[in-house]
Amino acid sequence: MTPETMIPLAKAIVMSVGAFAPALGVGLIGSKAMEAIGRNPEAAGKIFVPMLLGMAFAEAIAIYALVVAFTL
């Protein structure tokens, strides 16, 4: 395979791995936060902000993967 055909394949691999891992992380963060709120509804205010921060940091990893795919 020539380098011209490898570039789209490399971009696809970067984006697939770079999107799968953060999606899994965001799902787990949201799941555990909702489970914690379900067990202790009074703690919803204390759980909500760290949940959003964790999701934002996980999504930042997906954005980094997008930047890497654009630079290839």
N, C-alpha and C. Protein backbone atom coordinates (compact mmCIF):
# COMPACT_ATOMS: atom_id res chain seq x y z
N MET A 1 0.83 -1.19 0.00
CA MET A 1 0.00 0.00 0.00
C MET A 1 0.88 1.25 0.00
N THR A 2 0.42 2.23 -0.72
CA THR A 2 1.17 3.47 -0.82
C THR A 2 0.84 4.39 0.36
N PRO A 3 1.70 5.35 0.62
CA PRO A 3 1.43 6.30 1.72
C PRO A 3 0.12 7.07 1.53
N GLU A 4 -0.27 7.31 0.29
CA GLU A 4 -1.52 8.04 0.03
C GLU A 4 -2.74 7.23 0.48
N THR A 5 -2.64 5.91 0.41
CA THR A 5 -3.77 5.08 0.87
C THR A 5 -3.70 4.77 2.36
N MET A 6 -2.53 4.93 2.95
CA MET A 6 -2.39 4.66 4.39
C MET A 6 -2.91 5.82 5.24
N ILE A 7 -2.87 7.03 4.72
CA ILE A 7 -3.28 8.19 5.51
C ILE A 7 -4.76 8.12 5.91
N PRO A 8 -5.69 7.84 5.00
CA PRO A 8 -7.09 7.74 5.45
C PRO A 8 -7.31 6.58 6.43
N LEU A 9 -6.57 5.51 6.26
CA LEU A 9 -6.69 4.39 7.19
C LEU A 9 -6.17 4.79 8.57
N ALA A 10 -5.07 5.51 8.62
CA ALA A 10 -4.53 5.98 9.89
C ALA A 10 -5.50 6.95 10.57
N LYS A 11 -6.10 7.83 9.80
CA LYS A 11 -7.09 8.75 10.36
C LYS A 11 -8.29 8.00 10.93
N ALA A 12 -8.74 6.99 10.23
CA ALA A 12 -9.88 6.21 10.70
C ALA A 12 -9.55 5.48 12.00
N ILE A 13 -8.36 4.94 12.09
CA ILE A 13 -7.97 4.23 13.31
C ILE A 13 -7.84 5.20 14.48
N VAL A 14 -7.22 6.35 14.24
CA VAL A 14 -7.07 7.34 15.30
C VAL A 14 -8.42 7.79 15.82
N MET A 15 -9.34 8.08 14.92
CA MET A 15 -10.65 8.56 15.36
C MET A 15 -11.49 7.46 16.00
N SER A 16 -11.38 6.24 15.52
CA SER A 16 -12.18 5.17 16.13
C SER A 16 -11.72 4.86 17.54
N VAL A 17 -10.41 4.77 17.75
CA VAL A 17 -9.90 4.53 19.10
C VAL A 17 -10.08 5.77 19.96
N GLY A 18 -9.84 6.93 19.36
CA GLY A 18 -9.97 8.18 20.09
C GLY A 18 -11.39 8.55 20.44
N ALA A 19 -12.36 7.96 19.80
CA ALA A 19 -13.76 8.22 20.14
C ALA A 19 -14.34 7.12 21.02
N PHE A 20 -13.85 5.91 20.87
CA PHE A 20 -14.40 4.79 21.64
C PHE A 20 -14.06 4.91 23.12
N ALA A 21 -12.81 5.18 23.43
CA ALA A 21 -12.39 5.24 24.83
C ALA A 21 -13.09 6.36 25.60
N PRO A 22 -13.15 7.60 25.09
CA PRO A 22 -13.88 8.63 25.82
C PRO A 22 -15.37 8.33 25.93
N ALA A 23 -15.96 7.74 24.91
CA ALA A 23 -17.38 7.40 24.99
C ALA A 23 -17.63 6.39 26.10
N LEU A 24 -16.75 5.43 26.21
CA LEU A 24 -16.85 4.45 27.29
C LEU A 24 -16.67 5.13 28.65
N GLY A 25 -15.72 6.05 28.73
CA GLY A 25 -15.48 6.77 29.98
C GLY A 25 -16.65 7.64 30.39
N VAL A 26 -17.22 8.36 29.43
CA VAL A 26 -18.38 9.21 29.73
C VAL A 26 -19.56 8.36 30.17
N GLY A 27 -19.76 7.23 29.53
CA GLY A 27 -20.85 6.34 29.92
C GLY A 27 -20.68 5.80 31.33
N LEU A 28 -19.47 5.41 31.66
CA LEU A 28 -19.22 4.90 33.01
C LEU A 28 -19.36 6.00 34.06
N ILE A 29 -18.87 7.20 33.76
CA ILE A 29 -19.00 8.32 34.70
C ILE A 29 -20.46 8.63 34.95
N GLY A 30 -21.23 8.74 33.88
CA GLY A 30 -22.65 9.04 34.03
C GLY A 30 -23.40 7.94 34.75
N SER A 31 -23.08 6.70 34.45
CA SER A 31 -23.74 5.57 35.09
C SER A 31 -23.48 5.55 36.59
N LYS A 32 -22.22 5.70 36.96
CA LYS A 32 -21.89 5.67 38.39
C LYS A 32 -22.44 6.88 39.14
N ALA A 33 -22.47 8.04 38.48
CA ALA A 33 -23.04 9.22 39.12
C ALA A 33 -24.54 9.04 39.35
N MET A 34 -25.25 8.52 38.36
CA MET A 34 -26.68 8.30 38.53
C MET A 34 -26.97 7.24 39.58
N GLU A 35 -26.11 6.23 39.64
CA GLU A 35 -26.24 5.20 40.67
C GLU A 35 -26.04 5.81 42.06
N ALA A 36 -25.04 6.69 42.19
CA ALA A 36 -24.78 7.33 43.47
C ALA A 36 -25.93 8.26 43.87
N ILE A 37 -26.46 9.00 42.91
CA ILE A 37 -27.59 9.89 43.20
C ILE A 37 -28.83 9.08 43.55
N GLY A 38 -29.00 7.93 42.91
CA GLY A 38 -30.13 7.06 43.23
C GLY A 38 -30.04 6.50 44.64
N ARG A 39 -28.85 6.23 45.09
CA ARG A 39 -28.66 5.72 46.45
C ARG A 39 -28.78 6.81 47.51
N ASN A 40 -28.34 8.02 47.16
CA ASN A 40 -28.36 9.12 48.11
C ASN A 40 -28.78 10.40 47.38
N PRO A 41 -30.09 10.63 47.22
CA PRO A 41 -30.56 11.78 46.45
C PRO A 41 -30.13 13.13 47.03
N GLU A 42 -29.88 13.20 48.34
CA GLU A 42 -29.47 14.46 48.94
C GLU A 42 -28.07 14.90 48.48
N ALA A 43 -27.28 13.98 48.00
CA ALA A 43 -25.92 14.28 47.56
C ALA A 43 -25.84 14.66 46.09
N ALA A 44 -26.99 14.88 45.45
CA ALA A 44 -26.99 15.17 44.02
C ALA A 44 -26.19 16.42 43.69
N GLY A 45 -26.26 17.45 44.54
CA GLY A 45 -25.51 18.68 44.28
C GLY A 45 -24.01 18.48 44.37
N LYS A 46 -23.58 17.61 45.28
CA LYS A 46 -22.14 17.36 45.43
C LYS A 46 -21.61 16.43 44.34
N ILE A 47 -22.46 15.64 43.75
CA ILE A 47 -22.03 14.67 42.74
C ILE A 47 -22.06 15.27 41.34
N PHE A 48 -22.99 16.18 41.10
CA PHE A 48 -23.24 16.67 39.76
C PHE A 48 -22.04 17.41 39.15
N VAL A 49 -21.44 18.33 39.90
CA VAL A 49 -20.32 19.13 39.36
C VAL A 49 -19.10 18.26 39.06
N PRO A 50 -18.66 17.36 39.99
CA PRO A 50 -17.53 16.49 39.61
C PRO A 50 -17.85 15.56 38.44
N MET A 51 -19.12 15.17 38.31
CA MET A 51 -19.51 14.34 37.18
C MET A 51 -19.32 15.12 35.88
N LEU A 52 -19.77 16.36 35.85
CA LEU A 52 -19.62 17.17 34.64
C LEU A 52 -18.15 17.43 34.32
N LEU A 53 -17.35 17.68 35.34
CA LEU A 53 -15.91 17.88 35.10
C LEU A 53 -15.25 16.62 34.55
N GLY A 54 -15.60 15.48 35.10
CA GLY A 54 -15.05 14.22 34.59
C GLY A 54 -15.45 13.96 33.16
N MET A 55 -16.70 14.27 32.83
CA MET A 55 -17.16 14.09 31.45
C MET A 55 -16.45 15.06 30.51
N ALA A 56 -16.23 16.28 30.96
CA ALA A 56 -15.54 17.27 30.12
C ALA A 56 -14.10 16.84 29.85
N PHE A 57 -13.42 16.34 30.87
CA PHE A 57 -12.04 15.88 30.65
C PHE A 57 -12.00 14.66 29.74
N ALA A 58 -12.98 13.78 29.85
CA ALA A 58 -13.02 12.61 28.96
C ALA A 58 -13.28 13.06 27.52
N GLU A 59 -14.15 14.04 27.34
CA GLU A 59 -14.43 14.52 25.99
C GLU A 59 -13.23 15.27 25.41
N ALA A 60 -12.40 15.86 26.26
CA ALA A 60 -11.21 16.54 25.77
C ALA A 60 -10.27 15.56 25.08
N ILE A 61 -10.24 14.34 25.57
CA ILE A 61 -9.40 13.32 24.93
C ILE A 61 -9.89 13.04 23.51
N ALA A 62 -11.21 13.02 23.33
CA ALA A 62 -11.76 12.82 21.99
C ALA A 62 -11.40 13.99 21.08
N ILE A 63 -11.39 15.19 21.62
CA ILE A 63 -11.01 16.36 20.83
C ILE A 63 -9.54 16.28 20.43
N TYR A 64 -8.69 15.81 21.34
CA TYR A 64 -7.28 15.63 21.01
C TYR A 64 -7.12 14.62 19.86
N ALA A 65 -7.89 13.56 19.89
CA ALA A 65 -7.84 12.57 18.81
C ALA A 65 -8.29 13.19 17.49
N LEU A 66 -9.28 14.06 17.54
CA LEU A 66 -9.73 14.74 16.32
C LEU A 66 -8.64 15.65 15.77
N VAL A 67 -7.94 16.34 16.65
CA VAL A 67 -6.83 17.20 16.22
C VAL A 67 -5.71 16.38 15.60
N VAL A 68 -5.41 15.23 16.19
CA VAL A 68 -4.38 14.35 15.64
C VAL A 68 -4.80 13.85 14.27
N ALA A 69 -6.08 13.50 14.11
CA ALA A 69 -6.54 13.02 12.81
C ALA A 69 -6.45 14.12 11.76
N PHE A 70 -6.72 15.36 12.15
CA PHE A 70 -6.62 16.46 11.18
C PHE A 70 -5.18 16.76 10.81
N THR A 71 -4.25 16.52 11.73
CA THR A 71 -2.85 16.81 11.43
C THR A 71 -2.20 15.73 10.57
N LEU A 72 -2.79 14.54 10.51
CA LEU A 72 -2.20 13.49 9.67
C LEU A 72 -2.35 13.81 8.20
